[in-house]
Structure formats: structure tokens, C-alpha cells
Amino acid sequence: MRVALIYFGGQYNHLIIKNLRSLGQEVIPFTPEVKVDALKDYDGLIFSGGPQSLTSGDPGLENAAYLARTMNVPRLGICLGHQLISYAFGGRVGRAVNPEYGLVEVTIEDEDTILSGMGKKFRAWESHSDEVFSPPQGFRVIATSENAKVQAIANEANSVFGVQFHPEVKHTEGGVKVFRNFIRVCSK
């Protein structure tokens, strides 16, 4: 199985690659300007975190939003990638009232495919100034935190998921399960 990582220059991107490779997956990083044709042979797409903001008007982010909307493979957004997926499908994203940095407690509201096996509550690493205020139509909020009411989303019918936290870092309890679950979705 092959997973494409749309790389936004986030500080933890190498850990996403490390986690997926430790699970036996081939991961190829791409910049946000990648074209659809370059991704046609991949089984899944992950949109990473990064320092950008969707309010910046960055053309790379607009192209990545197009990919998130149009690719017909499972998609997972992490941090900025979560915000990008929400934005791409019509959700509301903006500057966080209470940005989260460091460990926070995440509460699973509805255990779905991507958060399966994580338990009802877990501690996760956060690093974001923007957040999703309302999910896109067709998506469910599946996890919350004290400051981010849209901590994770799922559109299981189209295999599209987003998590505000960083599952790739060791500080997130059971974070590798998010990648295991995503690989399972990609394998179907």
C-alpha cells in the first residue's frame, strides 16, 4: 500500500513518515502544489500540520484543498490538514479563541473508524492557533477538547477524516492507532 503525505513544512512531518513506515507502509512526501496525476496510484492521502493559516490566501493551500475535495481515496488531515479538509468541504475555520499548545485532554464523542481503540478520553499534543468552528455538511464531530469543540471529524461514507491533535508524537496517548486505523480504511 502507498500513502502520499502532503507536506506543509510542519515540525512533526518526519514523525508521520516514521509512524507509517513502522507499520510497513510506503510513504512519499509531496509539496502542496502537487498535481492530481502525480497521486493517482496512491491508496490514501494524509495532509500534515504546518505553520500556515488558511486565512493567508496561500495558493499551495488552495491547491491542497482542491486535492482534499476531489481525490477519491481515503484522506486524513492532521492539525492544519484537519482545518484544510474542513475548509475544502465548506466547514468554518478561523483564528482560535483559545489556541492550544501542549497536552490537552481529548474526549471522544462518537468512536468511529479513525479513533477506534483510543478509549473515551486520552491526552494529546496540540499546537494550533486556528481551529475548525463548524464541520462541513456530511461530517460528524467525533472528538472535542475543552477549547476545541471540533477536535476530530469524520465523513465515513467518503473515508475523509480530520484530527486537530498530533497523533504522530509520542506525547499523544495511543496516537499510532490513528495511523493503524487509517491504513485499515485505505486497505478496503
N, C-alpha and C. Protein backbone atom coordinates (compact mmCIF):
# COMPACT_ATOMS: atom_id res chain seq x y z
N MET A 1 0.84 -1.19 0.00
CA MET A 1 0.00 0.00 0.00
C MET A 1 0.88 1.24 0.00
N ARG A 2 0.43 2.28 -0.68
CA ARG A 2 1.20 3.52 -0.78
C ARG A 2 0.35 4.69 -0.28
N VAL A 3 0.95 5.51 0.59
CA VAL A 3 0.29 6.68 1.14
C VAL A 3 1.08 7.91 0.72
N ALA A 4 0.39 8.93 0.23
CA ALA A 4 1.02 10.20 -0.10
C ALA A 4 0.83 11.16 1.07
N LEU A 5 1.90 11.81 1.46
CA LEU A 5 1.86 12.81 2.53
C LEU A 5 1.99 14.19 1.89
N ILE A 6 0.95 15.00 2.00
CA ILE A 6 1.02 16.38 1.52
C ILE A 6 1.64 17.17 2.66
N TYR A 7 2.82 17.65 2.42
CA TYR A 7 3.73 18.17 3.43
C TYR A 7 3.67 19.70 3.47
N PHE A 8 3.26 20.25 4.58
CA PHE A 8 3.14 21.70 4.74
C PHE A 8 4.28 22.30 5.56
N GLY A 9 5.35 21.57 5.74
CA GLY A 9 6.51 22.10 6.45
C GLY A 9 6.38 22.09 7.96
N GLY A 10 5.46 21.30 8.49
CA GLY A 10 5.28 21.21 9.93
C GLY A 10 6.46 20.54 10.62
N GLN A 11 6.64 20.84 11.87
CA GLN A 11 7.80 20.35 12.61
C GLN A 11 7.75 18.86 12.91
N TYR A 12 6.60 18.21 12.76
CA TYR A 12 6.47 16.80 13.09
C TYR A 12 6.28 15.89 11.88
N ASN A 13 6.43 16.43 10.67
CA ASN A 13 6.16 15.63 9.48
C ASN A 13 7.01 14.37 9.39
N HIS A 14 8.26 14.47 9.81
CA HIS A 14 9.13 13.28 9.77
C HIS A 14 8.58 12.18 10.67
N LEU A 15 7.84 12.55 11.72
CA LEU A 15 7.26 11.55 12.62
C LEU A 15 6.05 10.86 11.99
N ILE A 16 5.33 11.56 11.14
CA ILE A 16 4.24 10.91 10.40
C ILE A 16 4.83 9.82 9.51
N ILE A 17 5.89 10.17 8.79
CA ILE A 17 6.55 9.20 7.92
C ILE A 17 7.08 8.03 8.73
N LYS A 18 7.73 8.32 9.84
CA LYS A 18 8.30 7.27 10.70
C LYS A 18 7.20 6.32 11.20
N ASN A 19 6.07 6.87 11.66
CA ASN A 19 4.96 6.04 12.15
C ASN A 19 4.43 5.13 11.05
N LEU A 20 4.20 5.68 9.88
CA LEU A 20 3.64 4.88 8.79
C LEU A 20 4.63 3.82 8.31
N ARG A 21 5.89 4.18 8.22
CA ARG A 21 6.89 3.18 7.79
C ARG A 21 7.05 2.09 8.83
N SER A 22 6.91 2.43 10.12
CA SER A 22 7.00 1.39 11.16
C SER A 22 5.82 0.41 11.06
N LEU A 23 4.75 0.84 10.42
CA LEU A 23 3.59 -0.03 10.19
C LEU A 23 3.65 -0.71 8.82
N GLY A 24 4.82 -0.60 8.17
CA GLY A 24 5.05 -1.30 6.91
C GLY A 24 4.51 -0.61 5.68
N GLN A 25 4.24 0.69 5.75
CA GLN A 25 3.67 1.42 4.62
C GLN A 25 4.72 2.22 3.87
N GLU A 26 4.56 2.31 2.57
CA GLU A 26 5.40 3.18 1.76
C GLU A 26 4.77 4.58 1.79
N VAL A 27 5.55 5.57 2.19
CA VAL A 27 5.05 6.94 2.30
C VAL A 27 5.92 7.84 1.43
N ILE A 28 5.29 8.62 0.58
CA ILE A 28 6.01 9.55 -0.29
C ILE A 28 5.53 10.96 0.02
N PRO A 29 6.45 11.86 0.42
CA PRO A 29 6.04 13.24 0.69
C PRO A 29 5.94 14.07 -0.59
N PHE A 30 4.95 14.94 -0.63
CA PHE A 30 4.74 15.88 -1.74
C PHE A 30 4.54 17.27 -1.17
N THR A 31 4.85 18.29 -1.96
CA THR A 31 4.54 19.66 -1.57
C THR A 31 3.07 19.92 -1.88
N PRO A 32 2.48 20.95 -1.30
CA PRO A 32 1.05 21.22 -1.53
C PRO A 32 0.69 21.56 -2.98
N GLU A 33 1.68 21.86 -3.81
CA GLU A 33 1.40 22.22 -5.20
C GLU A 33 1.30 21.01 -6.12
N VAL A 34 1.39 19.80 -5.57
CA VAL A 34 1.35 18.58 -6.37
C VAL A 34 0.08 18.51 -7.21
N LYS A 35 0.18 17.90 -8.38
CA LYS A 35 -0.97 17.76 -9.28
C LYS A 35 -1.65 16.42 -9.07
N VAL A 36 -2.92 16.36 -9.39
CA VAL A 36 -3.73 15.16 -9.21
C VAL A 36 -3.09 13.96 -9.88
N ASP A 37 -2.57 14.12 -11.09
CA ASP A 37 -1.98 13.00 -11.84
C ASP A 37 -0.85 12.32 -11.07
N ALA A 38 -0.09 13.08 -10.30
CA ALA A 38 1.02 12.50 -9.54
C ALA A 38 0.54 11.60 -8.41
N LEU A 39 -0.72 11.73 -8.01
CA LEU A 39 -1.26 11.00 -6.87
C LEU A 39 -2.17 9.85 -7.26
N LYS A 40 -2.35 9.61 -8.54
CA LYS A 40 -3.37 8.65 -8.98
C LYS A 40 -3.13 7.21 -8.55
N ASP A 41 -1.90 6.83 -8.26
CA ASP A 41 -1.61 5.45 -7.87
C ASP A 41 -1.49 5.25 -6.37
N TYR A 42 -1.92 6.22 -5.57
CA TYR A 42 -1.82 6.11 -4.12
C TYR A 42 -3.13 5.62 -3.52
N ASP A 43 -3.00 4.90 -2.39
CA ASP A 43 -4.16 4.32 -1.72
C ASP A 43 -4.75 5.24 -0.66
N GLY A 44 -4.04 6.30 -0.29
CA GLY A 44 -4.53 7.24 0.72
C GLY A 44 -3.71 8.51 0.71
N LEU A 45 -4.29 9.58 1.23
CA LEU A 45 -3.63 10.89 1.32
C LEU A 45 -3.68 11.37 2.76
N ILE A 46 -2.55 11.84 3.26
CA ILE A 46 -2.51 12.49 4.57
C ILE A 46 -2.07 13.93 4.36
N PHE A 47 -2.81 14.86 4.93
CA PHE A 47 -2.46 16.28 4.91
C PHE A 47 -1.89 16.62 6.27
N SER A 48 -0.63 17.04 6.30
CA SER A 48 0.09 17.24 7.56
C SER A 48 -0.24 18.56 8.23
N GLY A 49 0.39 18.76 9.37
CA GLY A 49 0.34 20.05 10.04
C GLY A 49 1.36 20.99 9.42
N GLY A 50 1.33 22.23 9.84
CA GLY A 50 2.27 23.22 9.34
C GLY A 50 1.98 24.58 9.93
N PRO A 51 2.89 25.53 9.72
CA PRO A 51 2.75 26.84 10.34
C PRO A 51 1.80 27.80 9.62
N GLN A 52 1.32 27.44 8.43
CA GLN A 52 0.47 28.34 7.67
C GLN A 52 -0.92 28.48 8.29
N SER A 53 -1.63 29.46 7.77
CA SER A 53 -3.03 29.67 8.16
C SER A 53 -3.87 29.70 6.90
N LEU A 54 -5.03 29.12 6.95
CA LEU A 54 -5.93 29.14 5.79
C LEU A 54 -6.41 30.54 5.47
N THR A 55 -6.24 31.46 6.39
CA THR A 55 -6.65 32.84 6.13
C THR A 55 -5.61 33.61 5.33
N SER A 56 -4.46 32.98 5.03
CA SER A 56 -3.36 33.67 4.34
C SER A 56 -3.54 33.80 2.84
N GLY A 57 -4.42 32.98 2.24
CA GLY A 57 -4.60 33.01 0.79
C GLY A 57 -3.48 32.33 0.03
N ASP A 58 -2.69 31.49 0.68
CA ASP A 58 -1.57 30.77 0.08
C ASP A 58 -2.07 29.88 -1.06
N PRO A 59 -1.53 30.03 -2.30
CA PRO A 59 -2.00 29.21 -3.42
C PRO A 59 -1.75 27.72 -3.22
N GLY A 60 -0.70 27.36 -2.50
CA GLY A 60 -0.45 25.95 -2.21
C GLY A 60 -1.56 25.35 -1.37
N LEU A 61 -2.07 26.13 -0.41
CA LEU A 61 -3.17 25.65 0.42
C LEU A 61 -4.45 25.50 -0.41
N GLU A 62 -4.67 26.41 -1.34
CA GLU A 62 -5.84 26.31 -2.21
C GLU A 62 -5.76 25.06 -3.07
N ASN A 63 -4.57 24.74 -3.60
CA ASN A 63 -4.40 23.53 -4.40
C ASN A 63 -4.62 22.29 -3.54
N ALA A 64 -4.09 22.31 -2.32
CA ALA A 64 -4.26 21.17 -1.42
C ALA A 64 -5.74 20.99 -1.06
N ALA A 65 -6.48 22.08 -0.89
CA ALA A 65 -7.91 21.99 -0.62
C ALA A 65 -8.63 21.34 -1.80
N TYR A 66 -8.20 21.68 -3.00
CA TYR A 66 -8.76 21.05 -4.20
C TYR A 66 -8.51 19.54 -4.18
N LEU A 67 -7.30 19.14 -3.82
CA LEU A 67 -6.97 17.71 -3.73
C LEU A 67 -7.83 17.03 -2.68
N ALA A 68 -7.99 17.68 -1.53
CA ALA A 68 -8.79 17.11 -0.44
C ALA A 68 -10.23 16.86 -0.91
N ARG A 69 -10.75 17.78 -1.70
CA ARG A 69 -12.13 17.68 -2.20
C ARG A 69 -12.30 16.64 -3.29
N THR A 70 -11.32 16.53 -4.18
CA THR A 70 -11.53 15.77 -5.42
C THR A 70 -10.92 14.38 -5.47
N MET A 71 -9.92 14.09 -4.69
CA MET A 71 -9.29 12.77 -4.75
C MET A 71 -10.27 11.72 -4.20
N ASN A 72 -10.35 10.62 -4.87
CA ASN A 72 -11.29 9.58 -4.48
C ASN A 72 -10.57 8.43 -3.77
N VAL A 73 -9.80 8.78 -2.75
CA VAL A 73 -9.10 7.82 -1.89
C VAL A 73 -9.33 8.27 -0.45
N PRO A 74 -9.10 7.41 0.53
CA PRO A 74 -9.20 7.86 1.92
C PRO A 74 -8.26 9.03 2.18
N ARG A 75 -8.74 10.00 2.98
CA ARG A 75 -7.96 11.19 3.31
C ARG A 75 -8.01 11.43 4.80
N LEU A 76 -6.85 11.83 5.34
CA LEU A 76 -6.71 12.16 6.76
C LEU A 76 -6.00 13.48 6.88
N GLY A 77 -6.58 14.41 7.62
CA GLY A 77 -5.93 15.69 7.90
C GLY A 77 -5.49 15.75 9.35
N ILE A 78 -4.27 16.24 9.56
CA ILE A 78 -3.72 16.38 10.91
C ILE A 78 -3.42 17.86 11.15
N CYS A 79 -3.96 18.44 12.20
CA CYS A 79 -3.75 19.84 12.59
C CYS A 79 -4.14 20.76 11.43
N LEU A 80 -3.18 21.42 10.77
CA LEU A 80 -3.51 22.25 9.61
C LEU A 80 -4.26 21.43 8.57
N GLY A 81 -3.89 20.17 8.39
CA GLY A 81 -4.59 19.30 7.45
C GLY A 81 -6.05 19.09 7.82
N HIS A 82 -6.34 19.00 9.10
CA HIS A 82 -7.72 18.90 9.61
C HIS A 82 -8.49 20.16 9.25
N GLN A 83 -7.88 21.30 9.47
CA GLN A 83 -8.51 22.58 9.13
C GLN A 83 -8.73 22.68 7.63
N LEU A 84 -7.74 22.23 6.85
CA LEU A 84 -7.82 22.29 5.40
C LEU A 84 -8.96 21.42 4.87
N ILE A 85 -9.09 20.21 5.40
CA ILE A 85 -10.19 19.33 4.97
C ILE A 85 -11.53 19.98 5.30
N SER A 86 -11.66 20.54 6.48
CA SER A 86 -12.90 21.22 6.85
C SER A 86 -13.20 22.36 5.90
N TYR A 87 -12.22 23.19 5.64
CA TYR A 87 -12.34 24.32 4.71
C TYR A 87 -12.72 23.83 3.31
N ALA A 88 -12.04 22.78 2.83
CA ALA A 88 -12.25 22.29 1.47
C ALA A 88 -13.68 21.83 1.23
N PHE A 89 -14.31 21.31 2.28
CA PHE A 89 -15.67 20.79 2.14
C PHE A 89 -16.73 21.77 2.64
N GLY A 90 -16.34 22.99 2.98
CA GLY A 90 -17.31 24.02 3.34
C GLY A 90 -17.51 24.26 4.82
N GLY A 91 -16.63 23.72 5.67
CA GLY A 91 -16.70 23.99 7.10
C GLY A 91 -16.18 25.39 7.41
N ARG A 92 -16.38 25.83 8.64
CA ARG A 92 -15.93 27.17 9.04
C ARG A 92 -14.66 27.05 9.89
N VAL A 93 -13.60 27.72 9.43
CA VAL A 93 -12.28 27.69 10.06
C VAL A 93 -11.82 29.12 10.31
N GLY A 94 -11.14 29.36 11.43
CA GLY A 94 -10.62 30.70 11.71
C GLY A 94 -9.67 30.69 12.88
N ARG A 95 -9.31 31.89 13.34
CA ARG A 95 -8.39 32.02 14.47
C ARG A 95 -9.05 31.50 15.73
N ALA A 96 -8.32 30.68 16.46
CA ALA A 96 -8.85 30.09 17.69
C ALA A 96 -9.01 31.16 18.77
N VAL A 97 -10.11 31.09 19.49
CA VAL A 97 -10.32 31.99 20.62
C VAL A 97 -9.32 31.64 21.72
N ASN A 98 -9.13 30.34 21.95
CA ASN A 98 -8.17 29.84 22.93
C ASN A 98 -7.25 28.83 22.26
N PRO A 99 -6.17 29.31 21.61
CA PRO A 99 -5.25 28.37 20.96
C PRO A 99 -4.74 27.32 21.96
N GLU A 100 -4.43 26.14 21.42
CA GLU A 100 -3.96 25.06 22.28
C GLU A 100 -2.50 24.73 21.92
N TYR A 101 -1.67 24.67 22.95
CA TYR A 101 -0.27 24.29 22.80
C TYR A 101 0.08 23.37 23.95
N GLY A 102 0.63 22.21 23.65
CA GLY A 102 0.98 21.25 24.69
C GLY A 102 -0.09 20.19 24.83
N LEU A 103 -0.09 19.53 25.98
CA LEU A 103 -1.02 18.42 26.21
C LEU A 103 -2.41 18.92 26.58
N VAL A 104 -3.41 18.30 25.97
CA VAL A 104 -4.81 18.57 26.30
C VAL A 104 -5.54 17.23 26.42
N GLU A 105 -6.65 17.23 27.12
CA GLU A 105 -7.46 16.04 27.21
C GLU A 105 -8.50 16.07 26.09
N VAL A 106 -8.52 15.01 25.30
CA VAL A 106 -9.47 14.87 24.21
C VAL A 106 -10.54 13.89 24.64
N THR A 107 -11.79 14.25 24.38
CA THR A 107 -12.92 13.38 24.69
C THR A 107 -13.53 12.89 23.39
N ILE A 108 -13.63 11.59 23.26
CA ILE A 108 -14.26 11.02 22.08
C ILE A 108 -15.77 11.04 22.29
N GLU A 109 -16.45 11.71 21.38
CA GLU A 109 -17.90 11.84 21.44
C GLU A 109 -18.59 10.67 20.73
N ASP A 110 -17.93 10.15 19.72
CA ASP A 110 -18.51 9.09 18.91
C ASP A 110 -17.35 8.30 18.32
N GLU A 111 -17.05 7.14 18.93
CA GLU A 111 -15.92 6.35 18.44
C GLU A 111 -16.24 5.87 17.03
N ASP A 112 -15.44 6.29 16.10
CA ASP A 112 -15.65 5.93 14.71
C ASP A 112 -14.47 5.11 14.23
N THR A 113 -14.37 4.95 12.98
CA THR A 113 -13.30 4.18 12.37
C THR A 113 -11.92 4.72 12.71
N ILE A 114 -11.69 6.01 12.58
CA ILE A 114 -10.34 6.57 12.71
C ILE A 114 -9.86 6.63 14.17
N LEU A 115 -10.78 6.74 15.12
CA LEU A 115 -10.40 6.81 16.54
C LEU A 115 -10.66 5.50 17.28
N SER A 116 -10.94 4.45 16.56
CA SER A 116 -11.23 3.15 17.17
C SER A 116 -10.08 2.71 18.07
N GLY A 117 -10.43 2.28 19.28
CA GLY A 117 -9.45 1.77 20.22
C GLY A 117 -8.73 2.82 21.06
N MET A 118 -9.12 4.09 20.92
CA MET A 118 -8.45 5.17 21.64
C MET A 118 -9.00 5.35 23.06
N GLY A 119 -10.12 4.75 23.38
CA GLY A 119 -10.72 4.96 24.70
C GLY A 119 -11.63 6.17 24.68
N LYS A 120 -12.32 6.41 25.77
CA LYS A 120 -13.25 7.54 25.85
C LYS A 120 -12.53 8.89 25.97
N LYS A 121 -11.40 8.89 26.68
CA LYS A 121 -10.59 10.11 26.85
C LYS A 121 -9.12 9.74 26.70
N PHE A 122 -8.35 10.66 26.16
CA PHE A 122 -6.90 10.47 26.07
C PHE A 122 -6.22 11.83 26.03
N ARG A 123 -4.95 11.84 26.37
CA ARG A 123 -4.18 13.09 26.32
C ARG A 123 -3.47 13.16 24.96
N ALA A 124 -3.52 14.35 24.36
CA ALA A 124 -2.96 14.53 23.02
C ALA A 124 -2.16 15.82 22.95
N TRP A 125 -1.19 15.84 22.06
CA TRP A 125 -0.34 17.00 21.84
C TRP A 125 -1.00 17.93 20.84
N GLU A 126 -1.07 19.21 21.20
CA GLU A 126 -1.68 20.25 20.36
C GLU A 126 -0.67 21.35 20.05
N SER A 127 -0.83 21.95 18.90
CA SER A 127 -0.01 23.09 18.52
C SER A 127 -0.74 23.85 17.41
N HIS A 128 -1.74 24.66 17.80
CA HIS A 128 -2.52 25.36 16.76
C HIS A 128 -3.05 26.70 17.23
N SER A 129 -3.05 27.64 16.28
CA SER A 129 -3.63 28.97 16.50
C SER A 129 -4.98 29.12 15.81
N ASP A 130 -5.22 28.30 14.80
CA ASP A 130 -6.50 28.28 14.09
C ASP A 130 -7.25 27.03 14.51
N GLU A 131 -8.55 27.02 14.24
CA GLU A 131 -9.34 25.83 14.56
C GLU A 131 -10.58 25.77 13.68
N VAL A 132 -11.21 24.61 13.69
CA VAL A 132 -12.48 24.42 12.99
C VAL A 132 -13.59 24.81 13.95
N PHE A 133 -14.44 25.74 13.53
CA PHE A 133 -15.57 26.18 14.35
C PHE A 133 -16.83 25.36 14.07
N SER A 134 -17.03 25.00 12.81
CA SER A 134 -18.16 24.13 12.47
C SER A 134 -17.73 23.22 11.33
N PRO A 135 -18.06 21.93 11.45
CA PRO A 135 -17.63 20.97 10.44
C PRO A 135 -18.44 21.13 9.16
N PRO A 136 -17.92 20.60 8.06
CA PRO A 136 -18.67 20.66 6.80
C PRO A 136 -19.91 19.78 6.87
N GLN A 137 -20.84 20.06 5.99
CA GLN A 137 -22.04 19.23 5.88
C GLN A 137 -21.60 17.82 5.49
N GLY A 138 -22.20 16.83 6.13
CA GLY A 138 -21.87 15.43 5.87
C GLY A 138 -20.78 14.88 6.77
N PHE A 139 -20.19 15.74 7.63
CA PHE A 139 -19.17 15.32 8.58
C PHE A 139 -19.75 15.34 9.99
N ARG A 140 -19.29 14.42 10.82
CA ARG A 140 -19.68 14.38 12.23
C ARG A 140 -18.51 14.80 13.09
N VAL A 141 -18.80 15.49 14.17
CA VAL A 141 -17.77 15.78 15.18
C VAL A 141 -17.64 14.51 16.01
N ILE A 142 -16.43 13.95 16.06
CA ILE A 142 -16.24 12.69 16.77
C ILE A 142 -15.37 12.85 18.02
N ALA A 143 -14.76 14.03 18.20
CA ALA A 143 -13.98 14.29 19.41
C ALA A 143 -13.93 15.78 19.67
N THR A 144 -13.83 16.12 20.97
CA THR A 144 -13.76 17.51 21.40
C THR A 144 -12.66 17.65 22.46
N SER A 145 -12.30 18.90 22.76
CA SER A 145 -11.46 19.20 23.92
C SER A 145 -12.06 20.43 24.57
N GLU A 146 -11.52 20.84 25.68
CA GLU A 146 -12.08 21.99 26.40
C GLU A 146 -12.13 23.23 25.51
N ASN A 147 -11.09 23.47 24.73
CA ASN A 147 -11.02 24.69 23.91
C ASN A 147 -11.36 24.48 22.44
N ALA A 148 -11.29 23.26 21.95
CA ALA A 148 -11.59 22.99 20.54
C ALA A 148 -12.78 22.04 20.47
N LYS A 149 -13.93 22.59 20.16
CA LYS A 149 -15.16 21.81 20.14
C LYS A 149 -15.26 20.90 18.92
N VAL A 150 -14.38 21.14 17.93
CA VAL A 150 -14.31 20.28 16.75
C VAL A 150 -12.87 19.72 16.69
N GLN A 151 -12.57 18.83 17.60
CA GLN A 151 -11.23 18.25 17.74
C GLN A 151 -10.96 17.18 16.68
N ALA A 152 -12.00 16.48 16.24
CA ALA A 152 -11.87 15.47 15.20
C ALA A 152 -13.20 15.34 14.47
N ILE A 153 -13.11 15.04 13.16
CA ILE A 153 -14.30 14.91 12.32
C ILE A 153 -14.19 13.66 11.47
N ALA A 154 -15.34 13.19 11.00
CA ALA A 154 -15.37 12.02 10.12
C ALA A 154 -16.50 12.12 9.13
N ASN A 155 -16.21 11.76 7.91
CA ASN A 155 -17.21 11.50 6.88
C ASN A 155 -16.88 10.09 6.41
N GLU A 156 -17.44 9.11 7.10
CA GLU A 156 -17.08 7.72 6.84
C GLU A 156 -17.54 7.26 5.46
N ALA A 157 -18.63 7.80 4.95
CA ALA A 157 -19.13 7.39 3.64
C ALA A 157 -18.10 7.65 2.54
N ASN A 158 -17.32 8.73 2.71
CA ASN A 158 -16.30 9.08 1.72
C ASN A 158 -14.87 8.86 2.23
N SER A 159 -14.74 8.26 3.42
CA SER A 159 -13.43 7.96 4.03
C SER A 159 -12.56 9.21 4.16
N VAL A 160 -13.15 10.27 4.72
CA VAL A 160 -12.42 11.52 4.94
C VAL A 160 -12.48 11.84 6.44
N PHE A 161 -11.29 12.10 7.02
CA PHE A 161 -11.17 12.29 8.46
C PHE A 161 -10.24 13.46 8.76
N GLY A 162 -10.42 14.06 9.92
CA GLY A 162 -9.52 15.12 10.37
C GLY A 162 -9.36 15.07 11.87
N VAL A 163 -8.13 15.31 12.34
CA VAL A 163 -7.86 15.40 13.78
C VAL A 163 -7.04 16.66 14.03
N GLN A 164 -7.44 17.44 15.01
CA GLN A 164 -6.72 18.67 15.35
C GLN A 164 -5.41 18.35 16.07
N PHE A 165 -5.38 17.27 16.82
CA PHE A 165 -4.19 16.90 17.60
C PHE A 165 -3.14 16.22 16.70
N HIS A 166 -1.98 15.99 17.27
CA HIS A 166 -0.86 15.36 16.54
C HIS A 166 -0.71 13.91 16.98
N PRO A 167 -1.26 12.94 16.23
CA PRO A 167 -1.12 11.53 16.61
C PRO A 167 0.30 11.01 16.43
N GLU A 168 1.11 11.72 15.67
CA GLU A 168 2.45 11.24 15.33
C GLU A 168 3.48 11.41 16.44
N VAL A 169 3.18 12.24 17.45
CA VAL A 169 4.16 12.48 18.52
C VAL A 169 3.93 11.53 19.68
N LYS A 170 4.99 11.20 20.38
CA LYS A 170 4.89 10.22 21.47
C LYS A 170 4.03 10.72 22.63
N HIS A 171 3.84 12.03 22.74
CA HIS A 171 3.03 12.59 23.83
C HIS A 171 1.54 12.27 23.68
N THR A 172 1.09 11.99 22.46
CA THR A 172 -0.31 11.64 22.24
C THR A 172 -0.50 10.17 22.58
N GLU A 173 -1.33 9.91 23.57
CA GLU A 173 -1.56 8.54 24.03
C GLU A 173 -2.24 7.71 22.94
N GLY A 174 -1.58 6.65 22.54
CA GLY A 174 -2.16 5.76 21.53
C GLY A 174 -2.24 6.34 20.14
N GLY A 175 -1.48 7.38 19.86
CA GLY A 175 -1.59 8.06 18.57
C GLY A 175 -1.36 7.16 17.37
N VAL A 176 -0.50 6.16 17.51
CA VAL A 176 -0.24 5.26 16.38
C VAL A 176 -1.51 4.54 15.94
N LYS A 177 -2.50 4.42 16.83
CA LYS A 177 -3.77 3.77 16.47
C LYS A 177 -4.48 4.55 15.37
N VAL A 178 -4.33 5.87 15.37
CA VAL A 178 -4.96 6.67 14.30
C VAL A 178 -4.39 6.24 12.95
N PHE A 179 -3.07 6.05 12.89
CA PHE A 179 -2.44 5.62 11.63
C PHE A 179 -2.84 4.18 11.27
N ARG A 180 -2.87 3.31 12.26
CA ARG A 180 -3.31 1.91 12.03
C ARG A 180 -4.74 1.90 11.46
N ASN A 181 -5.59 2.69 12.08
CA ASN A 181 -6.98 2.74 11.63
C ASN A 181 -7.10 3.32 10.21
N PHE A 182 -6.29 4.33 9.92
CA PHE A 182 -6.31 4.92 8.58
C PHE A 182 -5.82 3.89 7.55
N ILE A 183 -4.78 3.16 7.86
CA ILE A 183 -4.27 2.13 6.95
C ILE A 183 -5.37 1.08 6.69
N ARG A 184 -6.08 0.71 7.73
CA ARG A 184 -7.18 -0.25 7.59
C ARG A 184 -8.23 0.29 6.61
N VAL A 185 -8.56 1.58 6.74
CA VAL A 185 -9.53 2.19 5.81
C VAL A 185 -8.99 2.16 4.39
N CYS A 186 -7.70 2.49 4.23
CA CYS A 186 -7.09 2.51 2.89
C CYS A 186 -7.05 1.13 2.26
N SER A 187 -7.00 0.08 3.07
CA SER A 187 -6.86 -1.29 2.58
C SER A 187 -8.18 -1.87 2.07
N LYS A 188 -9.28 -1.22 2.37
CA LYS A 188 -10.59 -1.76 1.97
C LYS A 188 -10.85 -1.59 0.50
